[in-house]
Amino acid sequence: MKYFRVYSDENGESHFAEMEMRLAPVVLSLTTPALEASEPQEARQILFIRLSPDWNSDWHPAPAYQYMCVLSGTAEITVSDGDVRRFSAGDMVLLQDITGKGHQTQVVGEEEMLVAAVQLA
């Protein structure tokens, strides 16, 4: 499963990296067919976030290592090296830029954005 990682380098500049999460067959119940799942990861908490269509942030680091899972809407994230990526429903971003300049986020389009933020332990 593909996702993007936002991280800070040793100079505090943020960057994107394309990542691949390995999914393997798992049987969770004898009464259901096998499915594919990742290795478990410890999570501290989950937040559900709603952003208005005109929401736009200044530069900021992530408050914690967290997966941002886009449920609806679209946003552009800009990292300090100038790279810009657009994320929509079904996309996932691992934010790890908790130091340095951070990133900017802007909701694009006419639709509000709903996000599940899973903060890691």
Protein backbone atom coordinates (compact mmCIF):
# COMPACT_ATOMS: atom_id res chain seq x y z
CA MET A 1 0.00 0.00 0.00
CA LYS A 2 1.50 3.32 -1.07
CA TYR A 3 1.63 6.36 1.20
CA PHE A 4 3.76 9.48 1.55
CA ARG A 5 6.01 10.44 4.45
CA VAL A 6 6.80 14.06 5.41
CA TYR A 7 10.03 14.29 7.39
CA SER A 8 12.64 16.84 8.53
CA ASP A 9 16.30 16.53 7.60
CA GLU A 10 19.24 17.46 9.86
CA ASN A 11 18.90 21.12 8.76
CA GLY A 12 15.20 21.33 9.69
CA GLU A 13 13.98 21.31 6.09
CA SER A 14 10.97 19.14 5.27
CA HIS A 15 10.65 16.69 2.38
CA PHE A 16 8.32 14.05 0.91
CA ALA A 17 9.27 10.39 0.52
CA GLU A 18 7.08 7.82 -1.22
CA MET A 19 6.71 4.74 0.99
CA GLU A 20 5.26 1.27 0.65
CA MET A 21 3.51 -0.47 3.54
CA ARG A 22 3.67 -4.25 3.22
CA LEU A 23 0.33 -6.03 3.49
CA ALA A 24 0.24 -9.79 4.06
CA PRO A 25 -2.60 -12.34 4.11
CA VAL A 26 -4.17 -12.76 7.55
CA VAL A 27 -7.05 -14.88 8.81
CA LEU A 28 -8.87 -12.99 11.55
CA SER A 29 -11.75 -15.40 11.99
CA LEU A 30 -12.46 -18.96 10.91
CA THR A 31 -15.80 -17.79 9.50
CA THR A 32 -14.40 -15.08 7.18
CA PRO A 33 -12.04 -15.23 4.21
CA ALA A 34 -8.42 -14.15 4.58
CA LEU A 35 -7.66 -10.47 4.08
CA GLU A 36 -4.48 -8.43 3.79
CA ALA A 37 -3.17 -6.43 6.77
CA SER A 38 -0.06 -4.52 7.80
CA GLU A 39 2.04 -5.22 10.86
CA PRO A 40 0.39 -3.70 13.96
CA GLN A 41 1.59 -0.27 15.09
CA GLU A 42 1.06 1.21 18.54
CA ALA A 43 -1.22 4.27 18.49
CA ARG A 44 -1.62 6.84 21.25
CA GLN A 45 -4.89 8.44 20.12
CA ILE A 46 -7.07 9.25 17.12
CA LEU A 47 -8.61 12.61 16.27
CA PHE A 48 -11.23 13.35 13.64
CA ILE A 49 -10.68 16.75 12.06
CA ARG A 50 -12.95 18.90 9.88
CA LEU A 51 -11.38 21.70 7.82
CA SER A 52 -13.45 24.33 6.01
CA PRO A 53 -13.00 24.81 2.24
CA ASP A 54 -11.00 28.03 2.81
CA TRP A 55 -8.70 26.57 5.52
CA ASN A 56 -5.03 27.42 5.00
CA SER A 57 -2.15 27.03 7.48
CA ASP A 58 1.15 28.84 7.78
CA TRP A 59 4.38 26.85 8.24
CA HIS A 60 4.15 24.48 11.19
CA PRO A 61 5.73 21.21 12.36
CA ALA A 62 3.46 18.23 13.03
CA PRO A 63 2.37 18.05 16.70
CA ALA A 64 3.26 14.34 16.85
CA TYR A 65 4.22 11.46 14.58
CA GLN A 66 0.85 10.78 13.00
CA TYR A 67 -0.90 9.24 10.04
CA MET A 68 -3.30 11.65 8.35
CA CYS A 69 -5.97 9.54 6.61
CA VAL A 70 -8.08 11.65 4.24
CA LEU A 71 -11.76 10.69 4.47
CA SER A 72 -13.15 13.38 2.16
CA GLY A 73 -12.09 16.60 0.49
CA THR A 74 -8.71 17.57 -0.94
CA ALA A 75 -5.68 19.42 0.40
CA GLU A 76 -2.26 20.43 -0.85
CA ILE A 77 0.72 20.00 1.44
CA THR A 78 3.86 22.02 0.73
CA VAL A 79 7.19 21.00 2.27
CA SER A 80 10.06 23.43 2.77
CA ASP A 81 12.08 22.10 -0.20
CA GLY A 82 9.26 23.49 -2.40
CA ASP A 83 7.61 20.16 -3.31
CA VAL A 84 3.79 20.25 -3.31
CA ARG A 85 1.53 17.19 -3.26
CA ARG A 86 -2.26 16.92 -3.42
CA PHE A 87 -4.11 14.42 -1.20
CA SER A 88 -7.76 13.30 -1.51
CA ALA A 89 -10.10 10.68 -0.06
CA GLY A 90 -8.29 7.38 0.43
CA ASP A 91 -4.81 8.93 0.64
CA MET A 92 -2.60 8.58 3.70
CA VAL A 93 0.34 10.75 4.82
CA LEU A 94 2.74 9.94 7.66
CA LEU A 95 3.76 13.25 9.23
CA GLN A 96 7.12 13.01 10.98
CA ASP A 97 8.32 16.62 10.63
CA ILE A 98 7.96 17.41 14.34
CA THR A 99 11.05 19.68 14.29
CA GLY A 100 12.27 22.34 11.90
CA LYS A 101 10.21 24.51 9.57
CA GLY A 102 7.46 21.93 9.06
CA HIS A 103 4.94 22.14 6.24
CA GLN A 104 1.96 24.16 4.99
CA THR A 105 -1.50 22.72 4.37
CA GLN A 106 -4.27 24.25 2.26
CA VAL A 107 -7.71 22.82 1.56
CA VAL A 108 -8.48 23.11 -2.16
CA GLY A 109 -11.84 23.05 -3.89
CA GLU A 110 -15.33 23.80 -2.59
CA GLU A 111 -15.66 20.78 -0.27
CA GLU A 112 -14.72 20.69 3.41
CA MET A 113 -12.06 18.16 4.33
CA LEU A 114 -12.48 15.34 6.85
CA VAL A 115 -9.36 13.66 8.23
CA ALA A 116 -8.61 10.94 10.73
CA ALA A 117 -5.33 11.74 12.50
CA VAL A 118 -3.84 8.64 14.16
CA GLN A 119 -1.11 9.76 16.55
CA LEU A 120 1.52 7.09 17.11
CA ALA A 121 2.84 5.95 20.47
